[in-house]
Amino acid sequence: MAAKKLYRVAFLHHGKVYELNCRAVASSSLWGFVEISGIVFETGDALVVDPTEERLRAEFENVSVLHVPMHSVLRVEEVRKPGQAVIRDRESGEKVMPFPLSPSGRSKG
């Protein structure tokens, strides 16, 4: 039996770059949209839980098919194994944390 194909799709959403893993990417029946289905999240036995991936999992847990505007899709890659689902800053490419962290190096008082 042939292995199922796996894709990593990067797209713009509310000024951030979302990167998701999925089983299928196709032209949508909605004109001007790309259809992303079979969203896959890593199921590792890691002790550390990534809050960004948990946020994405919660946001897309009930989504069977995601229709993304064609002009928002930045990249589609066929990959061998799923990577981490992330949200990145559009300008810097740095990973966005779902909650604010206290600034490091600042003294109190």
C-alpha atoms as a PDB file:
ATOM      1  CA  MET A   1       0.000   0.000   0.000  1.00  0.00           C
ATOM      2  CA  ALA A   2       1.370   3.399  -0.968  1.00  0.00           C
ATOM      3  CA  ALA A   3       2.018   5.901   1.802  1.00  0.00           C
ATOM      4  CA  LYS A   4      -0.451   8.771   2.045  1.00  0.00           C
ATOM      5  CA  LYS A   5       0.885  12.073   0.790  1.00  0.00           C
ATOM      6  CA  LEU A   6       1.573  14.769   3.345  1.00  0.00           C
ATOM      7  CA  TYR A   7       1.838  18.508   2.712  1.00  0.00           C
ATOM      8  CA  ARG A   8       2.978  21.538   4.682  1.00  0.00           C
ATOM      9  CA  VAL A   9       1.061  24.679   3.680  1.00  0.00           C
ATOM     10  CA  ALA A  10       2.061  28.214   4.667  1.00  0.00           C
ATOM     11  CA  PHE A  11      -0.549  30.952   4.314  1.00  0.00           C
ATOM     12  CA  LEU A  12      -1.274  34.457   5.592  1.00  0.00           C
ATOM     13  CA  HIS A  13      -4.021  34.845   8.194  1.00  0.00           C
ATOM     14  CA  HIS A  14      -4.666  38.100  10.100  1.00  0.00           C
ATOM     15  CA  GLY A  15      -1.146  39.399   9.411  1.00  0.00           C
ATOM     16  CA  LYS A  16       0.578  36.199  10.578  1.00  0.00           C
ATOM     17  CA  VAL A  17       1.968  33.244   8.651  1.00  0.00           C
ATOM     18  CA  TYR A  18       0.276  29.961   9.582  1.00  0.00           C
ATOM     19  CA  GLU A  19       2.046  26.684   8.766  1.00  0.00           C
ATOM     20  CA  LEU A  20      -0.134  23.567   8.843  1.00  0.00           C
ATOM     21  CA  ASN A  21       0.350  19.932   7.832  1.00  0.00           C
ATOM     22  CA  CYS A  22      -2.401  18.277   5.806  1.00  0.00           C
ATOM     23  CA  ARG A  23      -3.226  15.260   3.637  1.00  0.00           C
ATOM     24  CA  ALA A  24      -4.722  17.099   0.646  1.00  0.00           C
ATOM     25  CA  VAL A  25      -4.369  20.452  -1.128  1.00  0.00           C
ATOM     26  CA  ALA A  26      -6.477  21.257  -4.177  1.00  0.00           C
ATOM     27  CA  SER A  27      -8.250  23.993  -6.070  1.00  0.00           C
ATOM     28  CA  SER A  28     -11.467  24.736  -4.243  1.00  0.00           C
ATOM     29  CA  SER A  29     -14.920  24.634  -5.784  1.00  0.00           C
ATOM     30  CA  LEU A  30     -15.121  28.194  -4.456  1.00  0.00           C
ATOM     31  CA  TRP A  31     -13.533  30.374  -7.118  1.00  0.00           C
ATOM     32  CA  GLY A  32     -10.227  31.929  -5.998  1.00  0.00           C
ATOM     33  CA  PHE A  33      -9.691  29.627  -3.013  1.00  0.00           C
ATOM     34  CA  VAL A  34      -7.366  26.728  -2.200  1.00  0.00           C
ATOM     35  CA  GLU A  35      -8.854  23.755  -0.362  1.00  0.00           C
ATOM     36  CA  ILE A  36      -6.846  22.298   2.533  1.00  0.00           C
ATOM     37  CA  SER A  37      -8.180  19.089   4.089  1.00  0.00           C
ATOM     38  CA  GLY A  38      -7.051  16.330   6.414  1.00  0.00           C
ATOM     39  CA  ILE A  39      -5.200  18.659   8.780  1.00  0.00           C
ATOM     40  CA  VAL A  40      -2.547  16.705  10.707  1.00  0.00           C
ATOM     41  CA  PHE A  41      -0.842  17.627  13.976  1.00  0.00           C
ATOM     42  CA  GLU A  42       2.245  15.972  15.448  1.00  0.00           C
ATOM     43  CA  THR A  43       1.344  13.309  17.961  1.00  0.00           C
ATOM     44  CA  GLY A  44       4.635  13.028  19.768  1.00  0.00           C
ATOM     45  CA  ASP A  45       5.081  11.870  23.322  1.00  0.00           C
ATOM     46  CA  ALA A  46       7.001  15.013  24.212  1.00  0.00           C
ATOM     47  CA  LEU A  47       7.022  16.188  27.794  1.00  0.00           C
ATOM     48  CA  VAL A  48       6.917  19.826  26.731  1.00  0.00           C
ATOM     49  CA  VAL A  49       3.654  21.000  25.168  1.00  0.00           C
ATOM     50  CA  ASP A  50       3.982  23.774  22.590  1.00  0.00           C
ATOM     51  CA  PRO A  51       1.268  26.372  23.318  1.00  0.00           C
ATOM     52  CA  THR A  52       1.312  27.616  19.717  1.00  0.00           C
ATOM     53  CA  GLU A  53       0.547  24.178  18.326  1.00  0.00           C
ATOM     54  CA  GLU A  54      -2.128  23.659  20.981  1.00  0.00           C
ATOM     55  CA  ARG A  55      -3.729  26.952  19.940  1.00  0.00           C
ATOM     56  CA  LEU A  56      -3.761  25.849  16.293  1.00  0.00           C
ATOM     57  CA  ARG A  57      -5.129  22.432  17.247  1.00  0.00           C
ATOM     58  CA  ALA A  58      -7.983  24.113  19.152  1.00  0.00           C
ATOM     59  CA  GLU A  59      -8.658  26.567  16.304  1.00  0.00           C
ATOM     60  CA  PHE A  60      -8.847  23.879  13.609  1.00  0.00           C
ATOM     61  CA  GLU A  61     -10.073  20.811  15.547  1.00  0.00           C
ATOM     62  CA  ASN A  62     -13.578  20.868  14.020  1.00  0.00           C
ATOM     63  CA  VAL A  63     -12.496  21.911  10.516  1.00  0.00           C
ATOM     64  CA  SER A  64     -12.901  19.238   7.859  1.00  0.00           C
ATOM     65  CA  VAL A  65     -12.009  21.470   4.890  1.00  0.00           C
ATOM     66  CA  LEU A  66     -10.289  24.846   5.082  1.00  0.00           C
ATOM     67  CA  HIS A  67     -10.777  27.224   2.126  1.00  0.00           C
ATOM     68  CA  VAL A  68      -7.923  29.749   1.999  1.00  0.00           C
ATOM     69  CA  PRO A  69      -7.865  32.650  -0.487  1.00  0.00           C
ATOM     70  CA  MET A  70      -5.471  31.762  -3.300  1.00  0.00           C
ATOM     71  CA  HIS A  71      -3.505  35.016  -2.905  1.00  0.00           C
ATOM     72  CA  SER A  72      -2.863  34.183   0.793  1.00  0.00           C
ATOM     73  CA  VAL A  73      -1.043  30.903   0.086  1.00  0.00           C
ATOM     74  CA  LEU A  74       2.711  31.421   0.310  1.00  0.00           C
ATOM     75  CA  ARG A  75       4.034  27.903  -0.073  1.00  0.00           C
ATOM     76  CA  VAL A  76       2.955  24.272  -0.455  1.00  0.00           C
ATOM     77  CA  GLU A  77       5.512  21.546   0.221  1.00  0.00           C
ATOM     78  CA  GLU A  78       5.139  17.791  -0.061  1.00  0.00           C
ATOM     79  CA  VAL A  79       6.940  16.382   2.998  1.00  0.00           C
ATOM     80  CA  ARG A  80       7.868  12.929   4.325  1.00  0.00           C
ATOM     81  CA  LYS A  81       6.760  13.469   7.923  1.00  0.00           C
ATOM     82  CA  PRO A  82       4.752  16.151   9.712  1.00  0.00           C
ATOM     83  CA  GLY A  83       6.537  19.072  11.248  1.00  0.00           C
ATOM     84  CA  GLN A  84       5.330  21.312  13.995  1.00  0.00           C
ATOM     85  CA  ALA A  85       2.327  23.509  13.202  1.00  0.00           C
ATOM     86  CA  VAL A  86       3.377  27.099  13.887  1.00  0.00           C
ATOM     87  CA  ILE A  87       2.326  30.722  13.629  1.00  0.00           C
ATOM     88  CA  ARG A  88       5.092  33.087  12.504  1.00  0.00           C
ATOM     89  CA  ASP A  89       5.409  36.843  12.361  1.00  0.00           C
ATOM     90  CA  ARG A  90       4.971  37.979   8.774  1.00  0.00           C
ATOM     91  CA  GLU A  91       7.921  40.387   8.799  1.00  0.00           C
ATOM     92  CA  SER A  92      10.566  38.660  10.926  1.00  0.00           C
ATOM     93  CA  GLY A  93       9.609  35.003  10.436  1.00  0.00           C
ATOM     94  CA  GLU A  94       9.949  34.485  14.195  1.00  0.00           C
ATOM     95  CA  LYS A  95       7.571  32.087  15.890  1.00  0.00           C
ATOM     96  CA  VAL A  96       4.649  33.881  17.558  1.00  0.00           C
ATOM     97  CA  MET A  97       3.762  32.906  21.103  1.00  0.00           C
ATOM     98  CA  PRO A  98       0.031  32.729  21.836  1.00  0.00           C
ATOM     99  CA  PHE A  99       0.457  34.624  25.091  1.00  0.00           C
ATOM    100  CA  PRO A 100       2.719  37.564  25.997  1.00  0.00           C
ATOM    101  CA  LEU A 101       5.992  36.820  27.701  1.00  0.00           C
ATOM    102  CA  SER A 102       7.553  39.230  30.143  1.00  0.00           C
ATOM    103  CA  PRO A 103      10.408  41.166  28.582  1.00  0.00           C
ATOM    104  CA  SER A 104      13.760  39.642  29.501  1.00  0.00           C
ATOM    105  CA  GLY A 105      16.446  41.731  31.021  1.00  0.00           C
ATOM    106  CA  ARG A 106      14.141  44.353  32.517  1.00  0.00           C
ATOM    107  CA  SER A 107      14.559  45.154  36.140  1.00  0.00           C
ATOM    108  CA  LYS A 108      11.540  45.688  38.357  1.00  0.00           C
ATOM    109  CA  GLY A 109      11.115  48.946  40.208  1.00  0.00           C
END
